[in-house]
């Protein structure tokens, strides 16, 4: 198995509300079968699908709480962290934590989408985000 992830599917209770939120962040859905929505995000796909259907399909039991994972959106500056948090809040997100310095030397904050999925928005001065949105570990020079 190659070291990569292809798709992240977020289980949602209200697909229309979830889609509207991500569209308010300027994400454009791609063609998909009815009942699921795909967003192309660089070389990675984020999908939105009914939470109950995802539970059955994934062979797990949904406890109804946080799933033990946080999504992350990396940027190249502290100012960009604050800008993205403001944009998410304007689109309907709850701000869990405003941008602030971190114990690892970066700067990050958290927004929570209307379906309860937490997103960390982070500037890691030890990583590089390319113009096409790829996050490169280290200084980006290999």
Protein backbone atom coordinates (compact mmCIF):
# COMPACT_ATOMS: atom_id res chain seq x y z
CA UNK A 1 0.00 0.00 0.00
CA UNK A 2 1.37 3.41 -1.01
CA UNK A 3 1.76 6.06 1.72
CA UNK A 4 -1.19 8.27 0.74
CA UNK A 5 -4.83 9.04 1.42
CA UNK A 6 -7.22 9.55 -1.50
CA UNK A 7 -10.59 10.51 -0.01
CA UNK A 8 -11.87 11.78 3.32
CA UNK A 9 -15.63 11.34 3.75
CA UNK A 10 -17.39 13.49 6.33
CA UNK A 11 -20.63 12.06 7.67
CA UNK A 12 -23.30 14.77 7.82
CA UNK A 13 -26.85 14.91 9.18
CA UNK A 14 -27.96 17.66 6.80
CA UNK A 15 -26.31 17.35 3.38
CA UNK A 16 -27.82 20.55 1.97
CA UNK A 17 -26.60 22.61 4.94
CA UNK A 18 -23.14 21.05 4.76
CA UNK A 19 -22.83 21.72 1.03
CA UNK A 20 -23.99 25.31 1.48
CA UNK A 21 -21.32 25.86 4.15
CA UNK A 22 -18.46 24.60 1.98
CA UNK A 23 -19.76 26.53 -1.01
CA UNK A 24 -19.73 29.66 1.18
CA UNK A 25 -16.00 28.95 1.62
CA UNK A 26 -15.74 29.01 -2.20
CA UNK A 27 -15.44 25.23 -2.61
CA UNK A 28 -16.99 23.93 -5.84
CA UNK A 29 -18.65 20.50 -5.90
CA UNK A 30 -17.67 18.02 -8.61
CA UNK A 31 -20.10 15.72 -10.44
CA UNK A 32 -21.22 12.88 -8.16
CA UNK A 33 -24.04 10.35 -7.72
CA UNK A 34 -27.14 11.65 -5.95
CA UNK A 35 -26.78 11.75 -2.16
CA UNK A 36 -23.03 12.36 -2.03
CA UNK A 37 -21.01 15.49 -2.79
CA UNK A 38 -17.34 15.50 -3.83
CA UNK A 39 -14.90 18.40 -3.61
CA UNK A 40 -11.59 18.09 -5.47
CA UNK A 41 -8.92 19.50 -3.16
CA UNK A 42 -5.61 19.28 -4.99
CA UNK A 43 -4.76 15.59 -5.28
CA UNK A 44 -7.22 14.70 -2.53
CA UNK A 45 -11.03 14.44 -2.42
CA UNK A 46 -13.31 15.53 0.42
CA UNK A 47 -16.74 13.90 0.29
CA UNK A 48 -19.95 14.72 2.18
CA UNK A 49 -22.39 11.85 2.74
CA UNK A 50 -25.29 11.04 5.04
CA UNK A 51 -23.88 10.14 8.46
CA UNK A 52 -26.18 7.13 8.99
CA UNK A 53 -25.37 5.70 5.56
CA UNK A 54 -21.65 6.22 6.19
CA UNK A 55 -21.96 4.40 9.52
CA UNK A 56 -23.44 1.32 7.82
CA UNK A 57 -21.04 1.44 4.87
CA UNK A 58 -18.01 1.82 7.17
CA UNK A 59 -19.02 -1.08 9.44
CA UNK A 60 -18.82 1.03 12.62
CA UNK A 61 -21.15 2.20 15.37
CA UNK A 62 -21.70 5.95 15.48
CA UNK A 63 -21.61 7.10 19.10
CA UNK A 64 -22.91 10.49 17.98
CA UNK A 65 -19.91 12.34 19.31
CA UNK A 66 -16.62 13.58 18.00
CA UNK A 67 -14.91 10.91 15.92
CA UNK A 68 -11.39 11.42 17.27
CA UNK A 69 -10.07 13.24 14.19
CA UNK A 70 -9.45 16.86 13.25
CA UNK A 71 -9.02 18.13 9.70
CA UNK A 72 -6.29 20.66 9.00
CA UNK A 73 -5.82 23.47 6.51
CA UNK A 74 -2.27 24.78 6.38
CA UNK A 75 -1.31 28.25 5.17
CA UNK A 76 1.93 30.20 4.81
CA UNK A 77 1.42 32.96 7.40
CA UNK A 78 -0.18 33.83 10.71
CA UNK A 79 -2.30 36.46 8.93
CA UNK A 80 -3.71 33.81 6.60
CA UNK A 81 -4.74 31.73 9.64
CA UNK A 82 -6.79 34.64 10.97
CA UNK A 83 -8.24 35.40 7.51
CA UNK A 84 -9.42 31.80 7.02
CA UNK A 85 -10.94 31.69 10.51
CA UNK A 86 -12.84 34.91 9.75
CA UNK A 87 -14.03 33.50 6.41
CA UNK A 88 -15.22 30.28 8.05
CA UNK A 89 -17.04 32.21 10.78
CA UNK A 90 -18.78 34.36 8.15
CA UNK A 91 -19.83 31.17 6.35
CA UNK A 92 -21.46 29.79 9.53
CA UNK A 93 -18.68 28.01 11.41
CA UNK A 94 -18.20 28.20 15.16
CA UNK A 95 -14.76 29.36 16.23
CA UNK A 96 -13.38 26.91 18.75
CA UNK A 97 -10.12 28.73 19.20
CA UNK A 98 -8.89 31.98 17.67
CA UNK A 99 -5.43 32.04 16.10
CA UNK A 100 -2.63 31.88 18.67
CA UNK A 101 0.95 30.70 19.07
CA UNK A 102 1.44 26.96 19.55
CA UNK A 103 3.76 24.84 21.69
CA UNK A 104 5.50 23.61 18.50
CA UNK A 105 6.43 27.08 17.27
CA UNK A 106 3.59 27.70 14.86
CA UNK A 107 0.30 29.57 14.92
CA UNK A 108 -3.15 27.99 14.67
CA UNK A 109 -6.84 28.24 15.43
CA UNK A 110 -9.88 25.98 15.14
CA UNK A 111 -13.22 26.35 13.40
CA UNK A 112 -16.04 23.83 13.64
CA UNK A 113 -18.27 23.38 10.61
CA UNK A 114 -22.08 23.33 11.06
CA UNK A 115 -22.00 19.51 11.22
CA UNK A 116 -19.49 19.47 14.10
CA UNK A 117 -16.29 18.64 12.17
CA UNK A 118 -13.30 20.52 13.64
CA UNK A 119 -10.78 22.13 11.29
CA UNK A 120 -7.41 23.37 12.47
CA UNK A 121 -6.12 26.29 10.41
CA UNK A 122 -2.37 26.39 10.90
CA UNK A 123 0.84 28.10 9.91
CA UNK A 124 3.77 25.78 10.49
CA UNK A 125 6.99 27.72 9.86
CA UNK A 126 8.81 24.41 9.32
CA UNK A 127 6.57 23.34 6.39
CA UNK A 128 5.77 24.86 3.02
CA UNK A 129 2.41 25.25 1.29
CA UNK A 130 2.90 25.41 -2.48
CA UNK A 131 0.95 27.67 -4.83
CA UNK A 132 -1.22 24.70 -5.84
CA UNK A 133 -2.07 23.97 -2.18
CA UNK A 134 0.19 21.03 -1.42
CA UNK A 135 1.58 20.91 2.11
CA UNK A 136 5.22 19.84 2.02
CA UNK A 137 6.93 18.59 5.17
CA UNK A 138 10.16 20.36 5.99
CA UNK A 139 11.41 23.25 3.90
CA UNK A 140 9.93 21.81 0.68
CA UNK A 141 13.26 21.12 -0.96
CA UNK A 142 13.15 17.35 -0.38
